[in-house]
C-alpha atoms as a PDB file:
ATOM      1  CA  UNK A   1       8.448  -6.743 -12.696  1.00  0.00           C
ATOM      2  CA  UNK A   2       6.336  -4.549 -10.436  1.00  0.00           C
ATOM      3  CA  UNK A   3       3.267  -3.069 -12.084  1.00  0.00           C
ATOM      4  CA  UNK A   4       2.035   0.484 -11.732  1.00  0.00           C
ATOM      5  CA  UNK A   5      -0.960  -0.765  -9.744  1.00  0.00           C
ATOM      6  CA  UNK A   6       1.295  -2.568  -7.273  1.00  0.00           C
ATOM      7  CA  UNK A   7       3.469   0.514  -6.878  1.00  0.00           C
ATOM      8  CA  UNK A   8       0.392   2.597  -6.162  1.00  0.00           C
ATOM      9  CA  UNK A   9      -0.849   0.070  -3.587  1.00  0.00           C
ATOM     10  CA  UNK A  10       2.561  -0.010  -1.910  1.00  0.00           C
ATOM     11  CA  UNK A  11       2.729   3.773  -1.771  1.00  0.00           C
ATOM     12  CA  UNK A  12      -0.824   4.054  -0.426  1.00  0.00           C
ATOM     13  CA  UNK A  13      -0.300   1.389   2.215  1.00  0.00           C
ATOM     14  CA  UNK A  14       2.985   2.934   3.321  1.00  0.00           C
ATOM     15  CA  UNK A  15       1.387   6.368   3.605  1.00  0.00           C
ATOM     16  CA  UNK A  16      -1.396   4.909   5.754  1.00  0.00           C
ATOM     17  CA  UNK A  17       1.044   3.098   8.046  1.00  0.00           C
ATOM     18  CA  UNK A  18       3.186   6.228   8.424  1.00  0.00           C
ATOM     19  CA  UNK A  19       0.044   8.180   9.278  1.00  0.00           C
ATOM     20  CA  UNK A  20      -0.863   5.575  11.923  1.00  0.00           C
ATOM     21  CA  UNK A  21       2.651   5.863  13.364  1.00  0.00           C
ATOM     22  CA  UNK A  22       2.331   9.630  13.677  1.00  0.00           C
ATOM     23  CA  UNK A  23      -1.156   9.411  15.203  1.00  0.00           C
ATOM     24  CA  UNK A  24       0.038   6.878  17.804  1.00  0.00           C
ATOM     25  CA  UNK A  25       2.882   9.186  18.744  1.00  0.00           C
ATOM     26  CA  UNK A  26       0.636  12.238  19.022  1.00  0.00           C
ATOM     27  CA  UNK A  27      -1.795  10.304  21.225  1.00  0.00           C
ATOM     28  CA  UNK A  28       1.108   9.246  23.430  1.00  0.00           C
ATOM     29  CA  UNK A  29       2.209  12.862  23.771  1.00  0.00           C
ATOM     30  CA  UNK A  30      -1.258  13.701  25.076  1.00  0.00           C
ATOM     31  CA  UNK A  31      -1.342  11.072  27.819  1.00  0.00           C
ATOM     32  CA  UNK A  32       2.212   9.932  28.597  1.00  0.00           C
ATOM     33  CA  UNK A  33       4.435  12.491  30.379  1.00  0.00           C
ATOM     34  CA  UNK A  34       7.789  13.324  28.843  1.00  0.00           C
ATOM     35  CA  UNK A  35      10.978  12.763  30.811  1.00  0.00           C
ATOM     36  CA  UNK A  36      12.530  15.747  32.574  1.00  0.00           C
ATOM     37  CA  UNK A  37      15.402  15.947  30.093  1.00  0.00           C
ATOM     38  CA  UNK A  38      13.315  14.874  27.099  1.00  0.00           C
ATOM     39  CA  UNK A  39      12.460  11.514  25.602  1.00  0.00           C
ATOM     40  CA  UNK A  40       9.137   9.738  25.846  1.00  0.00           C
ATOM     41  CA  UNK A  41       7.618   6.277  25.659  1.00  0.00           C
ATOM     42  CA  UNK A  42       5.027   6.047  22.882  1.00  0.00           C
ATOM     43  CA  UNK A  43       2.217   3.619  22.081  1.00  0.00           C
ATOM     44  CA  UNK A  44       4.422   1.357  19.901  1.00  0.00           C
ATOM     45  CA  UNK A  45       4.361   4.154  17.328  1.00  0.00           C
ATOM     46  CA  UNK A  46       7.341   2.770  15.394  1.00  0.00           C
ATOM     47  CA  UNK A  47       5.801  -0.650  14.747  1.00  0.00           C
ATOM     48  CA  UNK A  48       3.877   0.526  11.641  1.00  0.00           C
ATOM     49  CA  UNK A  49       7.181   1.718  10.141  1.00  0.00           C
ATOM     50  CA  UNK A  50       8.848  -1.601  10.943  1.00  0.00           C
ATOM     51  CA  UNK A  51       5.874  -3.373   9.379  1.00  0.00           C
ATOM     52  CA  UNK A  52       6.403  -1.518   6.084  1.00  0.00           C
ATOM     53  CA  UNK A  53       9.906  -2.939   5.881  1.00  0.00           C
ATOM     54  CA  UNK A  54       8.735  -6.426   6.781  1.00  0.00           C
ATOM     55  CA  UNK A  55       5.949  -6.461   4.207  1.00  0.00           C
ATOM     56  CA  UNK A  56       7.765  -4.735   1.341  1.00  0.00           C
ATOM     57  CA  UNK A  57      11.430  -5.416   2.023  1.00  0.00           C
ATOM     58  CA  UNK A  58      14.224  -3.327   3.477  1.00  0.00           C
ATOM     59  CA  UNK A  59      14.927  -1.317   0.327  1.00  0.00           C
ATOM     60  CA  UNK A  60      11.468   0.202   0.408  1.00  0.00           C
ATOM     61  CA  UNK A  61      11.568   0.106   4.200  1.00  0.00           C
ATOM     62  CA  UNK A  62      14.489   2.521   4.235  1.00  0.00           C
ATOM     63  CA  UNK A  63      12.658   4.861   1.855  1.00  0.00           C
ATOM     64  CA  UNK A  64       9.620   4.842   4.135  1.00  0.00           C
ATOM     65  CA  UNK A  65      11.650   5.193   7.329  1.00  0.00           C
ATOM     66  CA  UNK A  66      13.625   8.121   5.875  1.00  0.00           C
ATOM     67  CA  UNK A  67      10.295   9.786   5.123  1.00  0.00           C
ATOM     68  CA  UNK A  68       9.283   9.042   8.701  1.00  0.00           C
ATOM     69  CA  UNK A  69      12.518  10.673   9.908  1.00  0.00           C
ATOM     70  CA  UNK A  70      11.599  13.867   8.073  1.00  0.00           C
ATOM     71  CA  UNK A  71       8.110  13.766   9.572  1.00  0.00           C
ATOM     72  CA  UNK A  72       9.657  13.351  13.030  1.00  0.00           C
ATOM     73  CA  UNK A  73      11.809  16.410  12.413  1.00  0.00           C
ATOM     74  CA  UNK A  74       8.680  18.351  11.503  1.00  0.00           C
ATOM     75  CA  UNK A  75       6.923  17.196  14.683  1.00  0.00           C
ATOM     76  CA  UNK A  76       9.994  18.050  16.741  1.00  0.00           C
ATOM     77  CA  UNK A  77      10.587  21.367  14.998  1.00  0.00           C
ATOM     78  CA  UNK A  78      10.421  23.237  18.308  1.00  0.00           C
ATOM     79  CA  UNK A  79      13.391  21.235  19.592  1.00  0.00           C
ATOM     80  CA  UNK A  80      15.196  21.330  16.248  1.00  0.00           C
ATOM     81  CA  UNK A  81      14.876  25.098  15.910  1.00  0.00           C
ATOM     82  CA  UNK A  82      15.924  25.608  19.541  1.00  0.00           C
ATOM     83  CA  UNK A  83      19.133  23.679  18.870  1.00  0.00           C
ATOM     84  CA  UNK A  84      20.217  26.395  16.447  1.00  0.00           C
ATOM     85  CA  UNK A  85      19.730  29.163  19.028  1.00  0.00           C
ATOM     86  CA  UNK A  86      22.350  30.471  21.486  1.00  0.00           C
ATOM     87  CA  UNK A  87      22.643  28.586  24.756  1.00  0.00           C
ATOM     88  CA  UNK A  88      21.138  25.228  23.766  1.00  0.00           C
ATOM     89  CA  UNK A  89      24.497  23.435  23.830  1.00  0.00           C
ATOM     90  CA  UNK A  90      26.321  26.033  25.881  1.00  0.00           C
ATOM     91  CA  UNK A  91      27.667  29.489  25.195  1.00  0.00           C
ATOM     92  CA  UNK A  92      27.171  30.787  21.661  1.00  0.00           C
ATOM     93  CA  UNK A  93      25.421  29.250  18.685  1.00  0.00           C
ATOM     94  CA  UNK A  94      26.900  25.791  18.111  1.00  0.00           C
ATOM     95  CA  UNK A  95      25.608  25.133  14.616  1.00  0.00           C
ATOM     96  CA  UNK A  96      27.763  22.026  14.170  1.00  0.00           C
ATOM     97  CA  UNK A  97      26.237  20.454  17.281  1.00  0.00           C
ATOM     98  CA  UNK A  98      22.751  21.278  16.047  1.00  0.00           C
ATOM     99  CA  UNK A  99      23.485  19.622  12.707  1.00  0.00           C
ATOM    100  CA  UNK A 100      24.919  16.552  14.453  1.00  0.00           C
ATOM    101  CA  UNK A 101      21.766  16.330  16.566  1.00  0.00           C
ATOM    102  CA  UNK A 102      19.538  16.477  13.486  1.00  0.00           C
ATOM    103  CA  UNK A 103      21.582  13.826  11.693  1.00  0.00           C
ATOM    104  CA  UNK A 104      21.911  11.388  14.606  1.00  0.00           C
ATOM    105  CA  UNK A 105      18.701  11.874  16.600  1.00  0.00           C
ATOM    106  CA  UNK A 106      16.407  12.218  13.606  1.00  0.00           C
ATOM    107  CA  UNK A 107      17.758  11.249  10.189  1.00  0.00           C
ATOM    108  CA  UNK A 108      19.880   8.271  11.250  1.00  0.00           C
ATOM    109  CA  UNK A 109      17.852   7.121  14.261  1.00  0.00           C
ATOM    110  CA  UNK A 110      14.517   6.903  12.456  1.00  0.00           C
ATOM    111  CA  UNK A 111      15.853   5.785   9.084  1.00  0.00           C
ATOM    112  CA  UNK A 112      17.355   2.761  10.836  1.00  0.00           C
ATOM    113  CA  UNK A 113      13.797   1.538  11.404  1.00  0.00           C
ATOM    114  CA  UNK A 114      14.064   0.317   7.823  1.00  0.00           C
ATOM    115  CA  UNK A 115      15.955  -2.652   9.290  1.00  0.00           C
ATOM    116  CA  UNK A 116      12.605  -3.980  10.462  1.00  0.00           C
ATOM    117  CA  UNK A 117      12.436  -6.382   7.526  1.00  0.00           C
ATOM    118  CA  UNK A 118      15.870  -7.875   8.073  1.00  0.00           C
ATOM    119  CA  UNK A 119      14.443 -11.297   9.035  1.00  0.00           C
ATOM    120  CA  UNK A 120      11.492 -11.421   6.627  1.00  0.00           C
ATOM    121  CA  UNK A 121      13.135 -14.142   4.503  1.00  0.00           C
ATOM    122  CA  UNK A 122      15.360 -15.628   7.211  1.00  0.00           C
ATOM    123  CA  UNK A 123      12.872 -16.640   9.899  1.00  0.00           C
ATOM    124  CA  UNK A 124       9.929 -18.729   8.747  1.00  0.00           C
ATOM    125  CA  UNK A 125       7.649 -17.837  11.639  1.00  0.00           C
ATOM    126  CA  UNK A 126       6.321 -14.364  10.690  1.00  0.00           C
ATOM    127  CA  UNK A 127       5.624 -13.406  14.305  1.00  0.00           C
ATOM    128  CA  UNK A 128       9.158 -14.193  15.391  1.00  0.00           C
ATOM    129  CA  UNK A 129      10.563 -12.556  12.257  1.00  0.00           C
ATOM    130  CA  UNK A 130       8.637  -9.328  12.851  1.00  0.00           C
ATOM    131  CA  UNK A 131       9.462  -9.357  16.561  1.00  0.00           C
ATOM    132  CA  UNK A 132      13.193  -9.860  15.956  1.00  0.00           C
ATOM    133  CA  UNK A 133      13.153  -7.247  13.203  1.00  0.00           C
ATOM    134  CA  UNK A 134      11.506  -4.809  15.606  1.00  0.00           C
ATOM    135  CA  UNK A 135      14.164  -5.450  18.240  1.00  0.00           C
ATOM    136  CA  UNK A 136      16.996  -4.899  15.742  1.00  0.00           C
ATOM    137  CA  UNK A 137      15.432  -1.778  14.208  1.00  0.00           C
ATOM    138  CA  UNK A 138      14.585  -0.092  17.493  1.00  0.00           C
ATOM    139  CA  UNK A 139      17.841  -1.307  19.023  1.00  0.00           C
ATOM    140  CA  UNK A 140      19.775   0.457  16.276  1.00  0.00           C
ATOM    141  CA  UNK A 141      17.750   3.598  16.873  1.00  0.00           C
ATOM    142  CA  UNK A 142      18.711   3.287  20.550  1.00  0.00           C
ATOM    143  CA  UNK A 143      22.394   3.098  19.596  1.00  0.00           C
ATOM    144  CA  UNK A 144      22.083   6.229  17.434  1.00  0.00           C
ATOM    145  CA  UNK A 145      20.631   8.130  20.395  1.00  0.00           C
ATOM    146  CA  UNK A 146      23.368   6.824  22.693  1.00  0.00           C
ATOM    147  CA  UNK A 147      26.015   8.121  20.296  1.00  0.00           C
ATOM    148  CA  UNK A 148      24.274  11.481  20.010  1.00  0.00           C
ATOM    149  CA  UNK A 149      23.854  11.742  23.768  1.00  0.00           C
ATOM    150  CA  UNK A 150      27.517  11.046  24.391  1.00  0.00           C
ATOM    151  CA  UNK A 151      28.776  13.479  21.757  1.00  0.00           C
ATOM    152  CA  UNK A 152      26.419  16.332  22.562  1.00  0.00           C
ATOM    153  CA  UNK A 153      25.222  16.035  26.143  1.00  0.00           C
ATOM    154  CA  UNK A 154      27.776  14.085  28.198  1.00  0.00           C
ATOM    155  CA  UNK A 155      28.652  17.317  30.034  1.00  0.00           C
ATOM    156  CA  UNK A 156      25.285  16.907  31.801  1.00  0.00           C
ATOM    157  CA  UNK A 157      26.256  13.479  33.173  1.00  0.00           C
ATOM    158  CA  UNK A 158      27.480  14.551  36.609  1.00  0.00           C
ATOM    159  CA  UNK A 159      24.464  16.762  37.216  1.00  0.00           C
ATOM    160  CA  UNK A 160      22.086  14.056  35.978  1.00  0.00           C
ATOM    161  CA  UNK A 161      23.412  11.428  38.372  1.00  0.00           C
ATOM    162  CA  UNK A 162      23.622  13.772  41.392  1.00  0.00           C
ATOM    163  CA  UNK A 163      20.366  15.707  41.033  1.00  0.00           C
ATOM    164  CA  UNK A 164      17.919  15.688  43.948  1.00  0.00           C
ATOM    165  CA  UNK A 165      15.940  12.481  44.134  1.00  0.00           C
ATOM    166  CA  UNK A 166      18.320  10.398  42.026  1.00  0.00           C
ATOM    167  CA  UNK A 167      19.262   7.011  43.600  1.00  0.00           C
ATOM    168  CA  UNK A 168      22.499   6.848  45.571  1.00  0.00           C
ATOM    169  CA  UNK A 169      24.222   4.720  42.939  1.00  0.00           C
ATOM    170  CA  UNK A 170      24.315   7.806  40.700  1.00  0.00           C
ATOM    171  CA  UNK A 171      26.762   9.565  43.011  1.00  0.00           C
ATOM    172  CA  UNK A 172      28.812   6.362  43.202  1.00  0.00           C
ATOM    173  CA  UNK A 173      29.108   6.335  39.413  1.00  0.00           C
ATOM    174  CA  UNK A 174      30.311   9.939  39.439  1.00  0.00           C
ATOM    175  CA  UNK A 175      32.947   9.073  42.058  1.00  0.00           C
ATOM    176  CA  UNK A 176      34.273   5.959  40.313  1.00  0.00           C
ATOM    177  CA  UNK A 177      34.030   6.533  36.548  1.00  0.00           C
ATOM    178  CA  UNK A 178      36.185   8.688  34.312  1.00  0.00           C
ATOM    179  CA  UNK A 179      34.443  11.630  32.608  1.00  0.00           C
ATOM    180  CA  UNK A 180      34.326   9.682  29.338  1.00  0.00           C
ATOM    181  CA  UNK A 181      32.967   6.552  30.999  1.00  0.00           C
ATOM    182  CA  UNK A 182      30.405   8.578  32.914  1.00  0.00           C
ATOM    183  CA  UNK A 183      29.314  10.231  29.675  1.00  0.00           C
ATOM    184  CA  UNK A 184      28.651   6.862  28.019  1.00  0.00           C
ATOM    185  CA  UNK A 185      26.780   5.507  31.035  1.00  0.00           C
ATOM    186  CA  UNK A 186      24.712   8.698  31.217  1.00  0.00           C
ATOM    187  CA  UNK A 187      23.690   8.429  27.582  1.00  0.00           C
ATOM    188  CA  UNK A 188      22.841   4.728  27.912  1.00  0.00           C
ATOM    189  CA  UNK A 189      20.805   5.245  31.094  1.00  0.00           C
ATOM    190  CA  UNK A 190      19.038   8.382  29.911  1.00  0.00           C
ATOM    191  CA  UNK A 191      18.050   7.019  26.503  1.00  0.00           C
ATOM    192  CA  UNK A 192      17.381   3.573  27.933  1.00  0.00           C
ATOM    193  CA  UNK A 193      14.722   4.993  30.244  1.00  0.00           C
ATOM    194  CA  UNK A 194      12.347   5.330  27.296  1.00  0.00           C
ATOM    195  CA  UNK A 195      13.918   3.214  24.542  1.00  0.00           C
ATOM    196  CA  UNK A 196      14.169  -0.080  26.449  1.00  0.00           C
ATOM    197  CA  UNK A 197      10.461  -0.112  27.434  1.00  0.00           C
ATOM    198  CA  UNK A 198       9.624   0.944  23.864  1.00  0.00           C
ATOM    199  CA  UNK A 199      11.624  -1.953  22.426  1.00  0.00           C
ATOM    200  CA  UNK A 200       9.988  -4.452  24.802  1.00  0.00           C
ATOM    201  CA  UNK A 201       6.432  -3.214  24.151  1.00  0.00           C
ATOM    202  CA  UNK A 202       6.967  -3.099  20.400  1.00  0.00           C
ATOM    203  CA  UNK A 203       8.398  -6.621  20.301  1.00  0.00           C
ATOM    204  CA  UNK A 204       5.438  -7.989  22.277  1.00  0.00           C
ATOM    205  CA  UNK A 205       2.825  -6.242  20.129  1.00  0.00           C
ATOM    206  CA  UNK A 206       4.650  -7.329  16.955  1.00  0.00           C
ATOM    207  CA  UNK A 207       4.356 -10.942  18.066  1.00  0.00           C
ATOM    208  CA  UNK A 208       0.656 -10.483  18.827  1.00  0.00           C
ATOM    209  CA  UNK A 209      -0.427  -8.745  15.613  1.00  0.00           C
ATOM    210  CA  UNK A 210       1.497 -11.295  13.545  1.00  0.00           C
ATOM    211  CA  UNK A 211      -1.219 -13.791  14.454  1.00  0.00           C
ATOM    212  CA  UNK A 212      -3.302 -12.069  11.778  1.00  0.00           C
ATOM    213  CA  UNK A 213      -1.870 -13.514   8.519  1.00  0.00           C
ATOM    214  CA  UNK A 214      -2.822 -10.530   6.362  1.00  0.00           C
ATOM    215  CA  UNK A 215      -0.893  -8.151   8.606  1.00  0.00           C
ATOM    216  CA  UNK A 216       2.456  -9.885   8.042  1.00  0.00           C
ATOM    217  CA  UNK A 217       1.838 -11.013   4.473  1.00  0.00           C
ATOM    218  CA  UNK A 218       4.894 -10.321   2.316  1.00  0.00           C
ATOM    219  CA  UNK A 219       3.862  -8.232  -0.646  1.00  0.00           C
ATOM    220  CA  UNK A 220       6.908  -9.004  -2.777  1.00  0.00           C
END
């Protein structure tokens, strides 16, 4: 049975790791330019959240990652509030779309980071376990953004692939794919521009920091 002291330590450690995650993201926002349509690579800012799940288990990991999702909404409040204003998704105020964006791009996407501990008791090598957990957790976040992008922003697909400076294969996609197919490809490409590098960097750093036994020590 978990003691009060252990609960306090878990809560304190989780708060510190969430704070580190936020600080890493804020630093990234200062030095790494955001994509034209939004989205940004960070300095492996989600790894601390994944680490919570690996150290304390997925049950607590989901609690921590849901908290992180709310913090992300607070950081992105400018975008969130804009989504509820006229013109963000088209003509009029599309409140349903704004709610879908909040649920998929924030609540679901970041809460899925709680999957980071999925291999903690399945893969003996802690570095490999944390790395694979990172790939699954961030991969699921990627999927949530793909779904959101298709539902909410696929109407931008043709413009995105034919804008000035875009490679010629973009126009070829527009000419060959159906509107639905183009919408899916657009969402995958757009979100993949920042999520794929983020997944790769996070997996590499996870493998490196796992060389320090105390970092990947399972608390329960």
